[in-house]
Amino acid sequence: MWRHTEGTLWLIALASFVLAGVVSSRAFLIALGIAGVGAALAAVPLHFFKAWRKVSAVPNKREYGLWLGFETICACGFFLCVVWAIRS
């Protein structure tokens, strides 16, 4: 049951953003936006948690760890850029 949680969260985020582009009701638009952002904010840490737990099980530990570290740094940098852009 918990195997597909990350994919379900990404599907909810994508579907709510697509529906938000179609709907005209302001209240429904805000609810869809909150659902989409909330699902995306839950899916990203879940992705990295699962990926870092998988490091010991993959055959190419060094390459996987380096790539995952690069991916984590890029995601944190993106988050900091978004926070900086909102703050400015």
PDB file of N, CA and C in Angstrom:
ATOM      1  N   MET A   1       0.813  -1.191   0.000  1.00  0.00           N
ATOM      2  CA  MET A   1       0.000   0.000   0.000  1.00  0.00           C
ATOM      3  C   MET A   1       0.859   1.258   0.000  1.00  0.00           C
ATOM      4  N   TRP A   2       1.939   1.284   0.777  1.00  0.00           N
ATOM      5  CA  TRP A   2       2.765   2.482   0.882  1.00  0.00           C
ATOM      6  C   TRP A   2       3.773   2.602  -0.253  1.00  0.00           C
ATOM      7  N   ARG A   3       3.840   1.599  -1.136  1.00  0.00           N
ATOM      8  CA  ARG A   3       4.817   1.639  -2.223  1.00  0.00           C
ATOM      9  C   ARG A   3       4.528   2.747  -3.209  1.00  0.00           C
ATOM     10  N   HIS A   4       3.294   3.100  -3.404  1.00  0.00           N
ATOM     11  CA  HIS A   4       2.918   4.064  -4.426  1.00  0.00           C
ATOM     12  C   HIS A   4       2.534   5.421  -3.864  1.00  0.00           C
ATOM     13  N   THR A   5       2.919   5.706  -2.644  1.00  0.00           N
ATOM     14  CA  THR A   5       2.545   6.968  -2.015  1.00  0.00           C
ATOM     15  C   THR A   5       3.147   8.159  -2.750  1.00  0.00           C
ATOM     16  N   GLU A   6       4.423   8.058  -3.104  1.00  0.00           N
ATOM     17  CA  GLU A   6       5.085   9.163  -3.790  1.00  0.00           C
ATOM     18  C   GLU A   6       4.444   9.439  -5.152  1.00  0.00           C
ATOM     19  N   GLY A   7       4.185   8.397  -5.902  1.00  0.00           N
ATOM     20  CA  GLY A   7       3.542   8.567  -7.199  1.00  0.00           C
ATOM     21  C   GLY A   7       2.142   9.139  -7.089  1.00  0.00           C
ATOM     22  N   THR A   8       1.419   8.717  -6.064  1.00  0.00           N
ATOM     23  CA  THR A   8       0.073   9.245  -5.842  1.00  0.00           C
ATOM     24  C   THR A   8       0.120  10.729  -5.495  1.00  0.00           C
ATOM     25  N   LEU A   9       1.092  11.119  -4.681  1.00  0.00           N
ATOM     26  CA  LEU A   9       1.224  12.537  -4.339  1.00  0.00           C
ATOM     27  C   LEU A   9       1.564  13.375  -5.567  1.00  0.00           C
ATOM     28  N   TRP A  10       2.456  12.867  -6.431  1.00  0.00           N
ATOM     29  CA  TRP A  10       2.785  13.600  -7.659  1.00  0.00           C
ATOM     30  C   TRP A  10       1.574  13.689  -8.581  1.00  0.00           C
ATOM     31  N   LEU A  11       0.783  12.636  -8.643  1.00  0.00           N
ATOM     32  CA  LEU A  11      -0.420  12.653  -9.471  1.00  0.00           C
ATOM     33  C   LEU A  11      -1.431  13.674  -8.943  1.00  0.00           C
ATOM     34  N   ILE A  12      -1.583  13.743  -7.627  1.00  0.00           N
ATOM     35  CA  ILE A  12      -2.486  14.722  -7.029  1.00  0.00           C
ATOM     36  C   ILE A  12      -2.008  16.140  -7.332  1.00  0.00           C
ATOM     37  N   ALA A  13      -0.699  16.359  -7.207  1.00  0.00           N
ATOM     38  CA  ALA A  13      -0.160  17.692  -7.478  1.00  0.00           C
ATOM     39  C   ALA A  13      -0.385  18.080  -8.938  1.00  0.00           C
ATOM     40  N   LEU A  14      -0.073  17.192  -9.858  1.00  0.00           N
ATOM     41  CA  LEU A  14      -0.240  17.488 -11.278  1.00  0.00           C
ATOM     42  C   LEU A  14      -1.704  17.704 -11.628  1.00  0.00           C
ATOM     43  N   ALA A  15      -2.576  16.832 -11.143  1.00  0.00           N
ATOM     44  CA  ALA A  15      -4.002  16.950 -11.464  1.00  0.00           C
ATOM     45  C   ALA A  15      -4.597  18.227 -10.883  1.00  0.00           C
ATOM     46  N   SER A  16      -4.186  18.596  -9.677  1.00  0.00           N
ATOM     47  CA  SER A  16      -4.749  19.816  -9.089  1.00  0.00           C
ATOM     48  C   SER A  16      -4.256  21.051  -9.816  1.00  0.00           C
ATOM     49  N   PHE A  17      -3.007  21.057 -10.292  1.00  0.00           N
ATOM     50  CA  PHE A  17      -2.517  22.208 -11.058  1.00  0.00           C
ATOM     51  C   PHE A  17      -3.195  22.300 -12.413  1.00  0.00           C
ATOM     52  N   VAL A  18      -3.436  21.166 -13.053  1.00  0.00           N
ATOM     53  CA  VAL A  18      -4.142  21.174 -14.334  1.00  0.00           C
ATOM     54  C   VAL A  18      -5.578  21.647 -14.134  1.00  0.00           C
ATOM     55  N   LEU A  19      -6.246  21.127 -13.126  1.00  0.00           N
ATOM     56  CA  LEU A  19      -7.617  21.564 -12.852  1.00  0.00           C
ATOM     57  C   LEU A  19      -7.676  23.043 -12.461  1.00  0.00           C
ATOM     58  N   ALA A  20      -6.646  23.537 -11.786  1.00  0.00           N
ATOM     59  CA  ALA A  20      -6.628  24.950 -11.405  1.00  0.00           C
ATOM     60  C   ALA A  20      -6.524  25.846 -12.635  1.00  0.00           C
ATOM     61  N   GLY A  21      -5.936  25.336 -13.695  1.00  0.00           N
ATOM     62  CA  GLY A  21      -5.867  26.107 -14.933  1.00  0.00           C
ATOM     63  C   GLY A  21      -7.173  26.138 -15.687  1.00  0.00           C
ATOM     64  N   VAL A  22      -8.104  25.271 -15.351  1.00  0.00           N
ATOM     65  CA  VAL A  22      -9.367  25.171 -16.070  1.00  0.00           C
ATOM     66  C   VAL A  22     -10.525  25.820 -15.305  1.00  0.00           C
ATOM     67  N   VAL A  23     -10.477  25.766 -13.998  1.00  0.00           N
ATOM     68  CA  VAL A  23     -11.600  26.199 -13.174  1.00  0.00           C
ATOM     69  C   VAL A  23     -11.692  27.732 -13.128  1.00  0.00           C
ATOM     70  N   SER A  24     -12.898  28.238 -12.948  1.00  0.00           N
ATOM     71  CA  SER A  24     -13.077  29.689 -12.893  1.00  0.00           C
ATOM     72  C   SER A  24     -13.467  30.184 -11.500  1.00  0.00           C
ATOM     73  N   SER A  25     -13.882  29.319 -10.634  1.00  0.00           N
ATOM     74  CA  SER A  25     -14.282  29.706  -9.282  1.00  0.00           C
ATOM     75  C   SER A  25     -13.043  30.010  -8.438  1.00  0.00           C
ATOM     76  N   ARG A  26     -13.007  31.156  -7.828  1.00  0.00           N
ATOM     77  CA  ARG A  26     -11.834  31.575  -7.057  1.00  0.00           C
ATOM     78  C   ARG A  26     -11.602  30.686  -5.830  1.00  0.00           C
ATOM     79  N   ALA A  27     -12.657  30.316  -5.131  1.00  0.00           N
ATOM     80  CA  ALA A  27     -12.523  29.473  -3.939  1.00  0.00           C
ATOM     81  C   ALA A  27     -12.004  28.083  -4.326  1.00  0.00           C
ATOM     82  N   PHE A  28     -12.526  27.542  -5.415  1.00  0.00           N
ATOM     83  CA  PHE A  28     -12.069  26.228  -5.871  1.00  0.00           C
ATOM     84  C   PHE A  28     -10.627  26.311  -6.358  1.00  0.00           C
ATOM     85  N   LEU A  29     -10.258  27.428  -6.968  1.00  0.00           N
ATOM     86  CA  LEU A  29      -8.888  27.640  -7.437  1.00  0.00           C
ATOM     87  C   LEU A  29      -7.911  27.662  -6.264  1.00  0.00           C
ATOM     88  N   ILE A  30      -8.274  28.347  -5.207  1.00  0.00           N
ATOM     89  CA  ILE A  30      -7.411  28.404  -4.025  1.00  0.00           C
ATOM     90  C   ILE A  30      -7.286  27.029  -3.380  1.00  0.00           C
ATOM     91  N   ALA A  31      -8.376  26.290  -3.301  1.00  0.00           N
ATOM     92  CA  ALA A  31      -8.334  24.942  -2.718  1.00  0.00           C
ATOM     93  C   ALA A  31      -7.458  24.009  -3.550  1.00  0.00           C
ATOM     94  N   LEU A  32      -7.571  24.091  -4.872  1.00  0.00           N
ATOM     95  CA  LEU A  32      -6.730  23.258  -5.738  1.00  0.00           C
ATOM     96  C   LEU A  32      -5.260  23.651  -5.631  1.00  0.00           C
ATOM     97  N   GLY A  33      -4.995  24.935  -5.514  1.00  0.00           N
ATOM     98  CA  GLY A  33      -3.613  25.383  -5.351  1.00  0.00           C
ATOM     99  C   GLY A  33      -3.000  24.892  -4.057  1.00  0.00           C
ATOM    100  N   ILE A  34      -3.757  24.967  -2.993  1.00  0.00           N
ATOM    101  CA  ILE A  34      -3.265  24.482  -1.702  1.00  0.00           C
ATOM    102  C   ILE A  34      -3.034  22.975  -1.742  1.00  0.00           C
ATOM    103  N   ALA A  35      -3.947  22.242  -2.387  1.00  0.00           N
ATOM    104  CA  ALA A  35      -3.784  20.783  -2.497  1.00  0.00           C
ATOM    105  C   ALA A  35      -2.565  20.437  -3.339  1.00  0.00           C
ATOM    106  N   GLY A  36      -2.359  21.155  -4.431  1.00  0.00           N
ATOM    107  CA  GLY A  36      -1.219  20.873  -5.304  1.00  0.00           C
ATOM    108  C   GLY A  36       0.107  21.181  -4.649  1.00  0.00           C
ATOM    109  N   VAL A  37       0.203  22.332  -4.016  1.00  0.00           N
ATOM    110  CA  VAL A  37       1.447  22.703  -3.336  1.00  0.00           C
ATOM    111  C   VAL A  37       1.701  21.778  -2.145  1.00  0.00           C
ATOM    112  N   GLY A  38       0.662  21.443  -1.412  1.00  0.00           N
ATOM    113  CA  GLY A  38       0.822  20.532  -0.278  1.00  0.00           C
ATOM    114  C   GLY A  38       1.287  19.145  -0.702  1.00  0.00           C
ATOM    115  N   ALA A  39       0.707  18.634  -1.791  1.00  0.00           N
ATOM    116  CA  ALA A  39       1.127  17.317  -2.277  1.00  0.00           C
ATOM    117  C   ALA A  39       2.566  17.347  -2.775  1.00  0.00           C
ATOM    118  N   ALA A  40       2.951  18.415  -3.460  1.00  0.00           N
ATOM    119  CA  ALA A  40       4.327  18.522  -3.948  1.00  0.00           C
ATOM    120  C   ALA A  40       5.312  18.670  -2.787  1.00  0.00           C
ATOM    121  N   LEU A  41       4.925  19.446  -1.781  1.00  0.00           N
ATOM    122  CA  LEU A  41       5.795  19.606  -0.611  1.00  0.00           C
ATOM    123  C   LEU A  41       5.938  18.321   0.196  1.00  0.00           C
ATOM    124  N   ALA A  42       4.978  17.443   0.101  1.00  0.00           N
ATOM    125  CA  ALA A  42       5.085  16.147   0.778  1.00  0.00           C
ATOM    126  C   ALA A  42       5.849  15.136  -0.077  1.00  0.00           C
ATOM    127  N   ALA A  43       5.742  15.239  -1.402  1.00  0.00           N
ATOM    128  CA  ALA A  43       6.363  14.259  -2.287  1.00  0.00           C
ATOM    129  C   ALA A  43       7.873  14.430  -2.400  1.00  0.00           C
ATOM    130  N   VAL A  44       8.358  15.656  -2.383  1.00  0.00           N
ATOM    131  CA  VAL A  44       9.798  15.889  -2.560  1.00  0.00           C
ATOM    132  C   VAL A  44      10.618  15.293  -1.414  1.00  0.00           C
ATOM    133  N   PRO A  45      10.318  15.595  -0.147  1.00  0.00           N
ATOM    134  CA  PRO A  45      11.095  14.946   0.920  1.00  0.00           C
ATOM    135  C   PRO A  45      10.935  13.429   0.948  1.00  0.00           C
ATOM    136  N   LEU A  46       9.752  12.949   0.589  1.00  0.00           N
ATOM    137  CA  LEU A  46       9.537  11.501   0.539  1.00  0.00           C
ATOM    138  C   LEU A  46      10.432  10.860  -0.518  1.00  0.00           C
ATOM    139  N   HIS A  47      10.596  11.526  -1.657  1.00  0.00           N
ATOM    140  CA  HIS A  47      11.474  11.022  -2.717  1.00  0.00           C
ATOM    141  C   HIS A  47      12.912  10.897  -2.209  1.00  0.00           C
ATOM    142  N   PHE A  48      13.416  11.944  -1.558  1.00  0.00           N
ATOM    143  CA  PHE A  48      14.797  11.913  -1.085  1.00  0.00           C
ATOM    144  C   PHE A  48      14.978  10.931   0.068  1.00  0.00           C
ATOM    145  N   PHE A  49      13.987  10.798   0.917  1.00  0.00           N
ATOM    146  CA  PHE A  49      14.074   9.828   2.013  1.00  0.00           C
ATOM    147  C   PHE A  49      14.194   8.410   1.472  1.00  0.00           C
ATOM    148  N   LYS A  50      13.333   8.072   0.497  1.00  0.00           N
ATOM    149  CA  LYS A  50      13.385   6.730  -0.089  1.00  0.00           C
ATOM    150  C   LYS A  50      14.690   6.510  -0.847  1.00  0.00           C
ATOM    151  N   ALA A  51      15.146   7.536  -1.556  1.00  0.00           N
ATOM    152  CA  ALA A  51      16.365   7.390  -2.352  1.00  0.00           C
ATOM    153  C   ALA A  51      17.594   7.211  -1.467  1.00  0.00           C
ATOM    154  N   TRP A  52      17.697   7.969  -0.395  1.00  0.00           N
ATOM    155  CA  TRP A  52      18.858   7.822   0.483  1.00  0.00           C
ATOM    156  C   TRP A  52      18.837   6.490   1.228  1.00  0.00           C
ATOM    157  N   ARG A  53      17.679   5.956   1.508  1.00  0.00           N
ATOM    158  CA  ARG A  53      17.615   4.630   2.147  1.00  0.00           C
ATOM    159  C   ARG A  53      18.037   3.524   1.196  1.00  0.00           C
ATOM    160  N   LYS A  54      17.919   3.778  -0.118  1.00  0.00           N
ATOM    161  CA  LYS A  54      18.243   2.778  -1.119  1.00  0.00           C
ATOM    162  C   LYS A  54      19.742   2.708  -1.425  1.00  0.00           C
ATOM    163  N   VAL A  55      20.560   3.621  -0.902  1.00  0.00           N
ATOM    164  CA  VAL A  55      21.981   3.684  -1.242  1.00  0.00           C
ATOM    165  C   VAL A  55      22.692   2.382  -0.901  1.00  0.00           C
ATOM    166  N   SER A  56      22.387   1.774   0.202  1.00  0.00           N
ATOM    167  CA  SER A  56      23.095   0.554   0.608  1.00  0.00           C
ATOM    168  C   SER A  56      22.684  -0.663  -0.217  1.00  0.00           C
ATOM    169  N   ALA A  57      21.608  -0.576  -0.967  1.00  0.00           N
ATOM    170  CA  ALA A  57      21.115  -1.738  -1.708  1.00  0.00           C
ATOM    171  C   ALA A  57      21.524  -1.739  -3.180  1.00  0.00           C
ATOM    172  N   VAL A  58      22.014  -0.622  -3.701  1.00  0.00           N
ATOM    173  CA  VAL A  58      22.345  -0.564  -5.127  1.00  0.00           C
ATOM    174  C   VAL A  58      23.769  -1.070  -5.349  1.00  0.00           C
ATOM    175  N   PRO A  59      24.045  -1.647  -6.537  1.00  0.00           N
ATOM    176  CA  PRO A  59      25.387  -2.171  -6.795  1.00  0.00           C
ATOM    177  C   PRO A  59      26.435  -1.069  -7.013  1.00  0.00           C
ATOM    178  N   ASN A  60      26.054   0.065  -7.561  1.00  0.00           N
ATOM    179  CA  ASN A  60      26.988   1.164  -7.801  1.00  0.00           C
ATOM    180  C   ASN A  60      26.793   2.257  -6.764  1.00  0.00           C
ATOM    181  N   LYS A  61      27.225   1.980  -5.539  1.00  0.00           N
ATOM    182  CA  LYS A  61      26.969   2.863  -4.412  1.00  0.00           C
ATOM    183  C   LYS A  61      27.596   4.246  -4.603  1.00  0.00           C
ATOM    184  N   ARG A  62      28.827   4.292  -5.087  1.00  0.00           N
ATOM    185  CA  ARG A  62      29.515   5.565  -5.214  1.00  0.00           C
ATOM    186  C   ARG A  62      28.825   6.480  -6.220  1.00  0.00           C
ATOM    187  N   GLU A  63      28.530   5.971  -7.394  1.00  0.00           N
ATOM    188  CA  GLU A  63      27.883   6.793  -8.425  1.00  0.00           C
ATOM    189  C   GLU A  63      26.487   7.220  -7.995  1.00  0.00           C
ATOM    190  N   TYR A  64      25.751   6.288  -7.404  1.00  0.00           N
ATOM    191  CA  TYR A  64      24.401   6.597  -6.946  1.00  0.00           C
ATOM    192  C   TYR A  64      24.439   7.650  -5.843  1.00  0.00           C
ATOM    193  N   GLY A  65      25.361   7.507  -4.908  1.00  0.00           N
ATOM    194  CA  GLY A  65      25.480   8.469  -3.824  1.00  0.00           C
ATOM    195  C   GLY A  65      25.888   9.843  -4.322  1.00  0.00           C
ATOM    196  N   LEU A  66      26.827   9.893  -5.281  1.00  0.00           N
ATOM    197  CA  LEU A  66      27.232  11.181  -5.842  1.00  0.00           C
ATOM    198  C   LEU A  66      26.076  11.854  -6.575  1.00  0.00           C
ATOM    199  N   TRP A  67      25.378  11.080  -7.390  1.00  0.00           N
ATOM    200  CA  TRP A  67      24.263  11.660  -8.127  1.00  0.00           C
ATOM    201  C   TRP A  67      23.154  12.113  -7.179  1.00  0.00           C
ATOM    202  N   LEU A  68      22.869  11.316  -6.173  1.00  0.00           N
ATOM    203  CA  LEU A  68      21.825  11.674  -5.228  1.00  0.00           C
ATOM    204  C   LEU A  68      22.225  12.902  -4.406  1.00  0.00           C
ATOM    205  N   GLY A  69      23.502  13.002  -4.068  1.00  0.00           N
ATOM    206  CA  GLY A  69      23.984  14.198  -3.383  1.00  0.00           C
ATOM    207  C   GLY A  69      23.837  15.435  -4.249  1.00  0.00           C
ATOM    208  N   PHE A  70      24.195  15.319  -5.542  1.00  0.00           N
ATOM    209  CA  PHE A  70      24.032  16.425  -6.483  1.00  0.00           C
ATOM    210  C   PHE A  70      22.557  16.804  -6.616  1.00  0.00           C
ATOM    211  N   GLU A  71      21.707  15.797  -6.705  1.00  0.00           N
ATOM    212  CA  GLU A  71      20.268  16.035  -6.823  1.00  0.00           C
ATOM    213  C   GLU A  71      19.721  16.727  -5.569  1.00  0.00           C
ATOM    214  N   THR A  72      20.193  16.315  -4.414  1.00  0.00           N
ATOM    215  CA  THR A  72      19.755  16.922  -3.160  1.00  0.00           C
ATOM    216  C   THR A  72      20.211  18.372  -3.063  1.00  0.00           C
ATOM    217  N   ILE A  73      21.467  18.643  -3.451  1.00  0.00           N
ATOM    218  CA  ILE A  73      21.984  20.011  -3.427  1.00  0.00           C
ATOM    219  C   ILE A  73      21.200  20.898  -4.389  1.00  0.00           C
ATOM    220  N   CYS A  74      20.894  20.388  -5.577  1.00  0.00           N
ATOM    221  CA  CYS A  74      20.120  21.170  -6.547  1.00  0.00           C
ATOM    222  C   CYS A  74      18.703  21.444  -6.031  1.00  0.00           C
ATOM    223  N   ALA A  75      18.081  20.473  -5.404  1.00  0.00           N
ATOM    224  CA  ALA A  75      16.727  20.679  -4.864  1.00  0.00           C
ATOM    225  C   ALA A  75      16.745  21.694  -3.734  1.00  0.00           C
ATOM    226  N   CYS A  76      17.743  21.625  -2.863  1.00  0.00           N
ATOM    227  CA  CYS A  76      17.847  22.617  -1.781  1.00  0.00           C
ATOM    228  C   CYS A  76      18.134  24.004  -2.348  1.00  0.00           C
ATOM    229  N   GLY A  77      18.983  24.077  -3.373  1.00  0.00           N
ATOM    230  CA  GLY A  77      19.259  25.362  -4.017  1.00  0.00           C
ATOM    231  C   GLY A  77      18.025  25.946  -4.667  1.00  0.00           C
ATOM    232  N   PHE A  78      17.232  25.094  -5.310  1.00  0.00           N
ATOM    233  CA  PHE A  78      15.984  25.565  -5.917  1.00  0.00           C
ATOM    234  C   PHE A  78      15.039  26.103  -4.853  1.00  0.00           C
ATOM    235  N   PHE A  79      14.926  25.381  -3.753  1.00  0.00           N
ATOM    236  CA  PHE A  79      14.064  25.817  -2.646  1.00  0.00           C
ATOM    237  C   PHE A  79      14.530  27.165  -2.101  1.00  0.00           C
ATOM    238  N   LEU A  80      15.844  27.323  -1.917  1.00  0.00           N
ATOM    239  CA  LEU A  80      16.376  28.589  -1.404  1.00  0.00           C
ATOM    240  C   LEU A  80      16.150  29.729  -2.401  1.00  0.00           C
ATOM    241  N   CYS A  81      16.258  29.452  -3.701  1.00  0.00           N
ATOM    242  CA  CYS A  81      15.990  30.483  -4.721  1.00  0.00           C
ATOM    243  C   CYS A  81      14.525  30.903  -4.700  1.00  0.00           C
ATOM    244  N   VAL A  82      13.637  29.947  -4.516  1.00  0.00           N
ATOM    245  CA  VAL A  82      12.210  30.285  -4.440  1.00  0.00           C
ATOM    246  C   VAL A  82      11.936  31.135  -3.205  1.00  0.00           C
ATOM    247  N   VAL A  83      12.509  30.769  -2.082  1.00  0.00           N
ATOM    248  CA  VAL A  83      12.330  31.544  -0.855  1.00  0.00           C
ATOM    249  C   VAL A  83      12.914  32.949  -1.038  1.00  0.00           C
ATOM    250  N   TRP A  84      14.083  33.045  -1.655  1.00  0.00           N
ATOM    251  CA  TRP A  84      14.702  34.346  -1.893  1.00  0.00           C
ATOM    252  C   TRP A  84      13.841  35.188  -2.832  1.00  0.00           C
ATOM    253  N   ALA A  85      13.287  34.592  -3.868  1.00  0.00           N
ATOM    254  CA  ALA A  85      12.462  35.327  -4.818  1.00  0.00           C
ATOM    255  C   ALA A  85      11.158  35.808  -4.177  1.00  0.00           C
ATOM    256  N   ILE A  86      10.591  35.007  -3.291  1.00  0.00           N
ATOM    257  CA  ILE A  86       9.359  35.415  -2.617  1.00  0.00           C
ATOM    258  C   ILE A  86       9.661  36.530  -1.606  1.00  0.00           C
ATOM    259  N   ARG A  87      10.788  36.410  -0.943  1.00  0.00           N
ATOM    260  CA  ARG A  87      11.157  37.384   0.082  1.00  0.00           C
ATOM    261  C   ARG A  87      11.499  38.741  -0.512  1.00  0.00           C
ATOM    262  N   SER A  88      12.079  38.786  -1.704  1.00  0.00           N
ATOM    263  CA  SER A  88      12.486  40.052  -2.330  1.00  0.00           C
ATOM    264  C   SER A  88      11.335  40.836  -2.849  1.00  0.00           C
TER     265      SER A  88
END
